[in-house]
Amino acid sequence: MKENRETISGMIGERIRKFRTEQNLSQEELAFLSEIHPAYVGKVERGEKCPTIETLYKIAVGLKIPLHKLLDIDSDTNATENDAFHRIINSLDGLNPDEMIEIAEIVERITGLMRGHS
């Protein structure tokens, strides 16, 4: 998919606004959590500024989401984030590798029982 810089900036800005409003954060609160200027947050959300990857990382940290989730402009957030696979993936965010292995083992046992395997 070929997108121009202005469109990509706008799409990223929309995603930032979506995640910010879902968390009931003001632009000022996100700016404080991200350690960036509040006016800059507004410009990024409107697609007027093209932030560096470092700034996007700061915003992702402020939103407490992984950077890849912020940058996933190809996903249809209304459709994919509600399907079972994405719900499972999103629930693993923030777990350490050992915790993820435990979850995987639990899922394997449950699916094995559902398929009639003991």
C-alpha atoms as a PDB file:
ATOM      1  CA  MET A   1       0.000   0.000   0.000  1.00  0.00           C
ATOM      2  CA  LYS A   2       1.470   3.333  -1.006  1.00  0.00           C
ATOM      3  CA  GLU A   3       0.677   6.218   1.341  1.00  0.00           C
ATOM      4  CA  ASN A   4       2.041   9.733   1.243  1.00  0.00           C
ATOM      5  CA  ARG A   5       3.726  11.280   4.251  1.00  0.00           C
ATOM      6  CA  GLU A   6       0.815  13.596   5.004  1.00  0.00           C
ATOM      7  CA  THR A   7      -1.675  10.726   5.019  1.00  0.00           C
ATOM      8  CA  ILE A   8       0.521   8.538   7.203  1.00  0.00           C
ATOM      9  CA  SER A   9       1.041  11.392   9.667  1.00  0.00           C
ATOM     10  CA  GLY A  10      -2.722  11.871   9.797  1.00  0.00           C
ATOM     11  CA  MET A  11      -3.346   8.164  10.345  1.00  0.00           C
ATOM     12  CA  ILE A  12      -0.802   8.014  13.170  1.00  0.00           C
ATOM     13  CA  GLY A  13      -2.345  11.144  14.682  1.00  0.00           C
ATOM     14  CA  GLU A  14      -5.794   9.563  14.584  1.00  0.00           C
ATOM     15  CA  ARG A  15      -4.479   6.451  16.327  1.00  0.00           C
ATOM     16  CA  ILE A  16      -2.839   8.559  19.038  1.00  0.00           C
ATOM     17  CA  ARG A  17      -6.100  10.452  19.597  1.00  0.00           C
ATOM     18  CA  LYS A  18      -8.064   7.167  19.683  1.00  0.00           C
ATOM     19  CA  PHE A  19      -5.805   5.597  22.311  1.00  0.00           C
ATOM     20  CA  ARG A  20      -5.651   8.856  24.314  1.00  0.00           C
ATOM     21  CA  THR A  21      -9.421   9.326  24.426  1.00  0.00           C
ATOM     22  CA  GLU A  22     -10.005   5.639  25.264  1.00  0.00           C
ATOM     23  CA  GLN A  23      -7.890   6.264  28.357  1.00  0.00           C
ATOM     24  CA  ASN A  24      -9.729   9.507  29.157  1.00  0.00           C
ATOM     25  CA  LEU A  25      -6.498  11.498  28.910  1.00  0.00           C
ATOM     26  CA  SER A  26      -6.346  15.120  27.851  1.00  0.00           C
ATOM     27  CA  GLN A  27      -3.650  16.212  25.416  1.00  0.00           C
ATOM     28  CA  GLU A  28      -1.930  17.933  28.332  1.00  0.00           C
ATOM     29  CA  GLU A  29      -1.961  14.768  30.429  1.00  0.00           C
ATOM     30  CA  LEU A  30      -0.549  12.715  27.551  1.00  0.00           C
ATOM     31  CA  ALA A  31       2.108  15.358  26.961  1.00  0.00           C
ATOM     32  CA  PHE A  32       3.139  15.207  30.625  1.00  0.00           C
ATOM     33  CA  LEU A  33       3.279  11.394  30.606  1.00  0.00           C
ATOM     34  CA  SER A  34       5.213  11.451  27.312  1.00  0.00           C
ATOM     35  CA  GLU A  35       7.549  14.271  28.339  1.00  0.00           C
ATOM     36  CA  ILE A  36       6.723  16.363  25.267  1.00  0.00           C
ATOM     37  CA  HIS A  37       5.092  19.782  24.788  1.00  0.00           C
ATOM     38  CA  PRO A  38       1.266  19.787  24.912  1.00  0.00           C
ATOM     39  CA  ALA A  39       0.966  21.892  21.747  1.00  0.00           C
ATOM     40  CA  TYR A  40       3.060  19.319  19.904  1.00  0.00           C
ATOM     41  CA  VAL A  41       0.645  16.525  20.881  1.00  0.00           C
ATOM     42  CA  GLY A  42      -2.189  18.463  19.271  1.00  0.00           C
ATOM     43  CA  LYS A  43      -0.215  19.036  16.082  1.00  0.00           C
ATOM     44  CA  VAL A  44       0.714  15.360  15.869  1.00  0.00           C
ATOM     45  CA  GLU A  45      -2.896  14.288  16.415  1.00  0.00           C
ATOM     46  CA  ARG A  46      -4.041  16.620  13.621  1.00  0.00           C
ATOM     47  CA  GLY A  47      -1.357  15.271  11.288  1.00  0.00           C
ATOM     48  CA  GLU A  48       0.363  18.656  11.098  1.00  0.00           C
ATOM     49  CA  LYS A  49       3.658  17.297  12.417  1.00  0.00           C
ATOM     50  CA  CYS A  50       5.554  14.155  11.504  1.00  0.00           C
ATOM     51  CA  PRO A  51       7.118  13.001  14.781  1.00  0.00           C
ATOM     52  CA  THR A  52      10.412  11.153  14.983  1.00  0.00           C
ATOM     53  CA  ILE A  53      10.435   7.527  16.035  1.00  0.00           C
ATOM     54  CA  GLU A  54      11.835   8.660  19.403  1.00  0.00           C
ATOM     55  CA  THR A  55       8.844  10.945  19.930  1.00  0.00           C
ATOM     56  CA  LEU A  56       6.425   8.207  18.874  1.00  0.00           C
ATOM     57  CA  TYR A  57       8.092   5.907  21.393  1.00  0.00           C
ATOM     58  CA  LYS A  58       7.625   8.539  24.134  1.00  0.00           C
ATOM     59  CA  ILE A  59       3.949   8.844  23.195  1.00  0.00           C
ATOM     60  CA  ALA A  60       3.522   5.050  23.242  1.00  0.00           C
ATOM     61  CA  VAL A  61       5.121   4.960  26.707  1.00  0.00           C
ATOM     62  CA  GLY A  62       2.787   7.749  27.826  1.00  0.00           C
ATOM     63  CA  LEU A  63      -0.172   5.756  26.510  1.00  0.00           C
ATOM     64  CA  LYS A  64       1.204   2.555  28.088  1.00  0.00           C
ATOM     65  CA  ILE A  65       0.937   0.676  24.790  1.00  0.00           C
ATOM     66  CA  PRO A  66       3.624  -1.038  22.723  1.00  0.00           C
ATOM     67  CA  LEU A  67       5.015   1.095  19.908  1.00  0.00           C
ATOM     68  CA  HIS A  68       3.964  -1.452  17.275  1.00  0.00           C
ATOM     69  CA  LYS A  69       0.329  -0.994  18.280  1.00  0.00           C
ATOM     70  CA  LEU A  70       0.580   2.742  17.734  1.00  0.00           C
ATOM     71  CA  LEU A  71       2.208   2.287  14.335  1.00  0.00           C
ATOM     72  CA  ASP A  72      -0.147  -0.407  13.033  1.00  0.00           C
ATOM     73  CA  ILE A  73      -1.926   1.864  10.548  1.00  0.00           C
ATOM     74  CA  ASP A  74      -2.829  -1.070   8.305  1.00  0.00           C
ATOM     75  CA  SER A  75      -5.095  -2.650  10.895  1.00  0.00           C
ATOM     76  CA  ASP A  76      -8.787  -1.956  10.852  1.00  0.00           C
ATOM     77  CA  THR A  77      -9.092  -1.081  14.529  1.00  0.00           C
ATOM     78  CA  ASN A  78     -12.860  -1.579  14.620  1.00  0.00           C
ATOM     79  CA  ALA A  79     -12.729  -5.077  13.141  1.00  0.00           C
ATOM     80  CA  THR A  80      -9.435  -6.641  14.144  1.00  0.00           C
ATOM     81  CA  GLU A  81      -9.031  -5.457  17.725  1.00  0.00           C
ATOM     82  CA  ASN A  82     -12.278  -7.168  18.662  1.00  0.00           C
ATOM     83  CA  ASP A  83     -11.620 -10.535  17.076  1.00  0.00           C
ATOM     84  CA  ALA A  84     -10.470 -13.367  19.317  1.00  0.00           C
ATOM     85  CA  PHE A  85      -6.898 -13.525  18.046  1.00  0.00           C
ATOM     86  CA  HIS A  86      -6.227  -9.832  18.638  1.00  0.00           C
ATOM     87  CA  ARG A  87      -7.909  -9.966  22.028  1.00  0.00           C
ATOM     88  CA  ILE A  88      -5.531 -12.748  23.056  1.00  0.00           C
ATOM     89  CA  ILE A  89      -2.471 -10.948  21.655  1.00  0.00           C
ATOM     90  CA  ASN A  90      -3.429  -7.692  23.369  1.00  0.00           C
ATOM     91  CA  SER A  91      -3.952  -9.472  26.690  1.00  0.00           C
ATOM     92  CA  LEU A  92      -0.318 -10.643  26.596  1.00  0.00           C
ATOM     93  CA  ASP A  93       1.063  -7.098  26.470  1.00  0.00           C
ATOM     94  CA  GLY A  94       3.257  -6.415  29.468  1.00  0.00           C
ATOM     95  CA  LEU A  95       3.768 -10.021  30.512  1.00  0.00           C
ATOM     96  CA  ASN A  96       7.279 -11.371  30.869  1.00  0.00           C
ATOM     97  CA  PRO A  97       8.387 -14.387  28.765  1.00  0.00           C
ATOM     98  CA  ASP A  98       7.801 -16.898  31.586  1.00  0.00           C
ATOM     99  CA  GLU A  99       4.249 -15.627  32.100  1.00  0.00           C
ATOM    100  CA  MET A 100       3.592 -15.886  28.361  1.00  0.00           C
ATOM    101  CA  ILE A 101       4.771 -19.511  28.374  1.00  0.00           C
ATOM    102  CA  GLU A 102       2.397 -20.267  31.249  1.00  0.00           C
ATOM    103  CA  ILE A 103      -0.493 -18.708  29.329  1.00  0.00           C
ATOM    104  CA  ALA A 104       0.437 -20.676  26.197  1.00  0.00           C
ATOM    105  CA  GLU A 105       0.432 -23.922  28.182  1.00  0.00           C
ATOM    106  CA  ILE A 106      -2.991 -23.111  29.641  1.00  0.00           C
ATOM    107  CA  VAL A 107      -4.397 -22.333  26.180  1.00  0.00           C
ATOM    108  CA  GLU A 108      -2.927 -25.572  24.794  1.00  0.00           C
ATOM    109  CA  ARG A 109      -4.572 -27.588  27.591  1.00  0.00           C
ATOM    110  CA  ILE A 110      -7.939 -25.887  27.105  1.00  0.00           C
ATOM    111  CA  THR A 111      -7.917 -26.305  23.319  1.00  0.00           C
ATOM    112  CA  GLY A 112      -6.839 -29.921  23.745  1.00  0.00           C
ATOM    113  CA  LEU A 113      -9.836 -30.553  26.032  1.00  0.00           C
ATOM    114  CA  MET A 114     -12.160 -28.801  23.591  1.00  0.00           C
ATOM    115  CA  ARG A 115     -10.893 -31.016  20.768  1.00  0.00           C
ATOM    116  CA  GLY A 116     -11.395 -34.146  22.882  1.00  0.00           C
ATOM    117  CA  HIS A 117      -7.695 -34.772  23.528  1.00  0.00           C
ATOM    118  CA  SER A 118      -6.675 -35.400  27.088  1.00  0.00           C
END
